[in-house]
PDB file of N, CA and C in Angstrom:
ATOM      1  N   MET A   1       0.833  -1.202   0.000  1.00  0.00           N
ATOM      2  CA  MET A   1       0.000   0.000   0.000  1.00  0.00           C
ATOM      3  C   MET A   1       0.875   1.263   0.000  1.00  0.00           C
ATOM      4  N   THR A   2       1.912   1.256   0.823  1.00  0.00           N
ATOM      5  CA  THR A   2       2.757   2.452   0.877  1.00  0.00           C
ATOM      6  C   THR A   2       3.491   2.662  -0.446  1.00  0.00           C
ATOM      7  N   ASP A   3       3.728   1.569  -1.193  1.00  0.00           N
ATOM      8  CA  ASP A   3       4.451   1.710  -2.459  1.00  0.00           C
ATOM      9  C   ASP A   3       3.687   2.609  -3.420  1.00  0.00           C
ATOM     10  N   TRP A   4       2.391   2.346  -3.607  1.00  0.00           N
ATOM     11  CA  TRP A   4       1.651   3.177  -4.575  1.00  0.00           C
ATOM     12  C   TRP A   4       1.415   4.575  -4.028  1.00  0.00           C
ATOM     13  N   VAL A   5       1.357   4.696  -2.696  1.00  0.00           N
ATOM     14  CA  VAL A   5       1.226   6.041  -2.120  1.00  0.00           C
ATOM     15  C   VAL A   5       2.477   6.851  -2.434  1.00  0.00           C
ATOM     16  N   ASN A   6       3.641   6.235  -2.250  1.00  0.00           N
ATOM     17  CA  ASN A   6       4.894   6.930  -2.561  1.00  0.00           C
ATOM     18  C   ASN A   6       4.964   7.255  -4.044  1.00  0.00           C
ATOM     19  N   ALA A   7       4.529   6.326  -4.889  1.00  0.00           N
ATOM     20  CA  ALA A   7       4.561   6.565  -6.335  1.00  0.00           C
ATOM     21  C   ALA A   7       3.659   7.738  -6.703  1.00  0.00           C
ATOM     22  N   VAL A   8       2.470   7.790  -6.112  1.00  0.00           N
ATOM     23  CA  VAL A   8       1.544   8.888  -6.415  1.00  0.00           C
ATOM     24  C   VAL A   8       2.130  10.215  -5.930  1.00  0.00           C
ATOM     25  N   LEU A   9       2.667  10.227  -4.716  1.00  0.00           N
ATOM     26  CA  LEU A   9       3.257  11.463  -4.191  1.00  0.00           C
ATOM     27  C   LEU A   9       4.414  11.915  -5.076  1.00  0.00           C
ATOM     28  N   PHE A  10       5.258  10.965  -5.483  1.00  0.00           N
ATOM     29  CA  PHE A  10       6.397  11.304  -6.338  1.00  0.00           C
ATOM     30  C   PHE A  10       5.914  11.868  -7.668  1.00  0.00           C
ATOM     31  N   GLY A  11       4.875  11.258  -8.241  1.00  0.00           N
ATOM     32  CA  GLY A  11       4.338  11.739  -9.514  1.00  0.00           C
ATOM     33  C   GLY A  11       3.774  13.145  -9.377  1.00  0.00           C
ATOM     34  N   VAL A  12       3.032  13.383  -8.303  1.00  0.00           N
ATOM     35  CA  VAL A  12       2.443  14.713  -8.102  1.00  0.00           C
ATOM     36  C   VAL A  12       3.548  15.751  -7.930  1.00  0.00           C
ATOM     37  N   CYS A  13       4.556  15.427  -7.140  1.00  0.00           N
ATOM     38  CA  CYS A  13       5.657  16.374  -6.927  1.00  0.00           C
ATOM     39  C   CYS A  13       6.368  16.670  -8.243  1.00  0.00           C
ATOM     40  N   SER A  14       6.563  15.638  -9.073  1.00  0.00           N
ATOM     41  CA  SER A  14       7.234  15.840 -10.355  1.00  0.00           C
ATOM     42  C   SER A  14       6.417  16.768 -11.242  1.00  0.00           C
ATOM     43  N   VAL A  15       5.109  16.527 -11.304  1.00  0.00           N
ATOM     44  CA  VAL A  15       4.246  17.359 -12.153  1.00  0.00           C
ATOM     45  C   VAL A  15       4.256  18.803 -11.657  1.00  0.00           C
ATOM     46  N   VAL A  16       4.180  18.985 -10.347  1.00  0.00           N
ATOM     47  CA  VAL A  16       4.170  20.342  -9.789  1.00  0.00           C
ATOM     48  C   VAL A  16       5.492  21.043 -10.084  1.00  0.00           C
ATOM     49  N   ALA A  17       6.605  20.326  -9.930  1.00  0.00           N
ATOM     50  CA  ALA A  17       7.915  20.931 -10.176  1.00  0.00           C
ATOM     51  C   ALA A  17       8.043  21.344 -11.639  1.00  0.00           C
ATOM     52  N   ILE A  18       7.615  20.464 -12.551  1.00  0.00           N
ATOM     53  CA  ILE A  18       7.691  20.778 -13.985  1.00  0.00           C
ATOM     54  C   ILE A  18       6.790  21.967 -14.298  1.00  0.00           C
ATOM     55  N   TYR A  19       5.599  21.993 -13.723  1.00  0.00           N
ATOM     56  CA  TYR A  19       4.660  23.086 -13.994  1.00  0.00           C
ATOM     57  C   TYR A  19       5.219  24.411 -13.478  1.00  0.00           C
ATOM     58  N   LEU A  20       5.800  24.398 -12.278  1.00  0.00           N
ATOM     59  CA  LEU A  20       6.352  25.635 -11.726  1.00  0.00           C
ATOM     60  C   LEU A  20       7.506  26.134 -12.594  1.00  0.00           C
ATOM     61  N   ALA A  21       8.374  25.226 -13.036  1.00  0.00           N
ATOM     62  CA  ALA A  21       9.497  25.634 -13.884  1.00  0.00           C
ATOM     63  C   ALA A  21       8.985  26.228 -15.190  1.00  0.00           C
ATOM     64  N   TRP A  22       7.964  25.596 -15.800  1.00  0.00           N
ATOM     65  CA  TRP A  22       7.405  26.097 -17.060  1.00  0.00           C
ATOM     66  C   TRP A  22       6.738  27.454 -16.832  1.00  0.00           C
ATOM     67  N   TYR A  23       6.013  27.584 -15.729  1.00  0.00           N
ATOM     68  CA  TYR A  23       5.293  28.831 -15.445  1.00  0.00           C
ATOM     69  C   TYR A  23       6.273  29.988 -15.224  1.00  0.00           C
ATOM     70  N   GLU A  24       7.334  29.741 -14.439  1.00  0.00           N
ATOM     71  CA  GLU A  24       8.322  30.793 -14.197  1.00  0.00           C
ATOM     72  C   GLU A  24       9.017  31.175 -15.494  1.00  0.00           C
ATOM     73  N   ASN A  25       9.335  30.176 -16.335  1.00  0.00           N
ATOM     74  CA  ASN A  25       9.993  30.451 -17.607  1.00  0.00           C
ATOM     75  C   ASN A  25       9.088  31.300 -18.484  1.00  0.00           C
ATOM     76  N   ARG A  26       7.792  30.961 -18.524  1.00  0.00           N
ATOM     77  CA  ARG A  26       6.849  31.715 -19.352  1.00  0.00           C
ATOM     78  C   ARG A  26       6.706  33.144 -18.822  1.00  0.00           C
ATOM     79  N   GLN A  27       6.634  33.296 -17.498  1.00  0.00           N
ATOM     80  CA  GLN A  27       6.493  34.628 -16.921  1.00  0.00           C
ATOM     81  C   GLN A  27       7.723  35.488 -17.250  1.00  0.00           C
ATOM     82  N   SER A  28       8.924  34.920 -17.138  1.00  0.00           N
ATOM     83  CA  SER A  28      10.138  35.687 -17.415  1.00  0.00           C
ATOM     84  C   SER A  28      10.185  36.079 -18.888  1.00  0.00           C
ATOM     85  N   GLN A  29       9.741  35.198 -19.780  1.00  0.00           N
ATOM     86  CA  GLN A  29       9.719  35.536 -21.203  1.00  0.00           C
ATOM     87  C   GLN A  29       8.742  36.676 -21.452  1.00  0.00           C
ATOM     88  N   LEU A  30       7.563  36.632 -20.822  1.00  0.00           N
ATOM     89  CA  LEU A  30       6.582  37.706 -21.005  1.00  0.00           C
ATOM     90  C   LEU A  30       7.156  39.025 -20.491  1.00  0.00           C
ATOM     91  N   GLU A  31       7.809  39.002 -19.340  1.00  0.00           N
ATOM     92  CA  GLU A  31       8.379  40.229 -18.787  1.00  0.00           C
ATOM     93  C   GLU A  31       9.471  40.769 -19.702  1.00  0.00           C
ATOM     94  N   ASN A  32      10.276  39.878 -20.282  1.00  0.00           N
ATOM     95  CA  ASN A  32      11.350  40.326 -21.170  1.00  0.00           C
ATOM     96  C   ASN A  32      10.775  41.011 -22.401  1.00  0.00           C
ATOM     97  N   THR A  33       9.749  40.425 -23.018  1.00  0.00           N
ATOM     98  CA  THR A  33       9.177  41.014 -24.233  1.00  0.00           C
ATOM     99  C   THR A  33       8.492  42.334 -23.898  1.00  0.00           C
ATOM    100  N   GLN A  34       7.740  42.377 -22.814  1.00  0.00           N
ATOM    101  CA  GLN A  34       7.052  43.611 -22.430  1.00  0.00           C
ATOM    102  C   GLN A  34       8.075  44.686 -22.062  1.00  0.00           C
ATOM    103  N   GLY A  35       9.116  44.297 -21.345  1.00  0.00           N
ATOM    104  CA  GLY A  35      10.134  45.265 -20.946  1.00  0.00           C
ATOM    105  C   GLY A  35      10.829  45.859 -22.164  1.00  0.00           C
ATOM    106  N   ALA A  36      11.146  45.035 -23.156  1.00  0.00           N
ATOM    107  CA  ALA A  36      11.807  45.533 -24.360  1.00  0.00           C
ATOM    108  C   ALA A  36      10.897  46.528 -25.072  1.00  0.00           C
ATOM    109  N   ARG A  37       9.618  46.205 -25.161  1.00  0.00           N
ATOM    110  CA  ARG A  37       8.675  47.116 -25.823  1.00  0.00           C
ATOM    111  C   ARG A  37       8.528  48.408 -25.015  1.00  0.00           C
ATOM    112  N   GLY A  38       8.435  48.273 -23.685  1.00  0.00           N
ATOM    113  CA  GLY A  38       8.188  49.452 -22.862  1.00  0.00           C
ATOM    114  C   GLY A  38       9.384  50.395 -22.850  1.00  0.00           C
ATOM    115  N   ARG A  39      10.606  49.848 -22.830  1.00  0.00           N
ATOM    116  CA  ARG A  39      11.787  50.701 -22.721  1.00  0.00           C
ATOM    117  C   ARG A  39      12.210  51.264 -24.076  1.00  0.00           C
ATOM    118  N   GLY A  40      11.708  50.707 -25.158  1.00  0.00           N
ATOM    119  CA  GLY A  40      12.128  51.153 -26.492  1.00  0.00           C
ATOM    120  C   GLY A  40      11.972  52.652 -26.699  1.00  0.00           C
ATOM    121  N   PRO A  41      10.757  53.187 -26.574  1.00  0.00           N
ATOM    122  CA  PRO A  41      10.534  54.616 -26.855  1.00  0.00           C
ATOM    123  C   PRO A  41      11.264  55.535 -25.877  1.00  0.00           C
ATOM    124  N   GLU A  42      11.489  55.082 -24.630  1.00  0.00           N
ATOM    125  CA  GLU A  42      12.116  55.957 -23.636  1.00  0.00           C
ATOM    126  C   GLU A  42      13.549  56.290 -24.037  1.00  0.00           C
ATOM    127  N   ARG A  43      14.257  55.302 -24.601  1.00  0.00           N
ATOM    128  CA  ARG A  43      15.626  55.549 -25.033  1.00  0.00           C
ATOM    129  C   ARG A  43      15.578  56.367 -26.282  1.00  0.00           C
TER     130      ARG A  43
END
């Protein structure tokens, strides 16, 4: 019983870690594109 519990917990943690990494990467890309557009006219 504990084996499948550990497997499920490990799977959930893996999915959450991958999702967080993808989300942070996407957010940083959005900030980079918006920042480039926003700072363009000021210079």
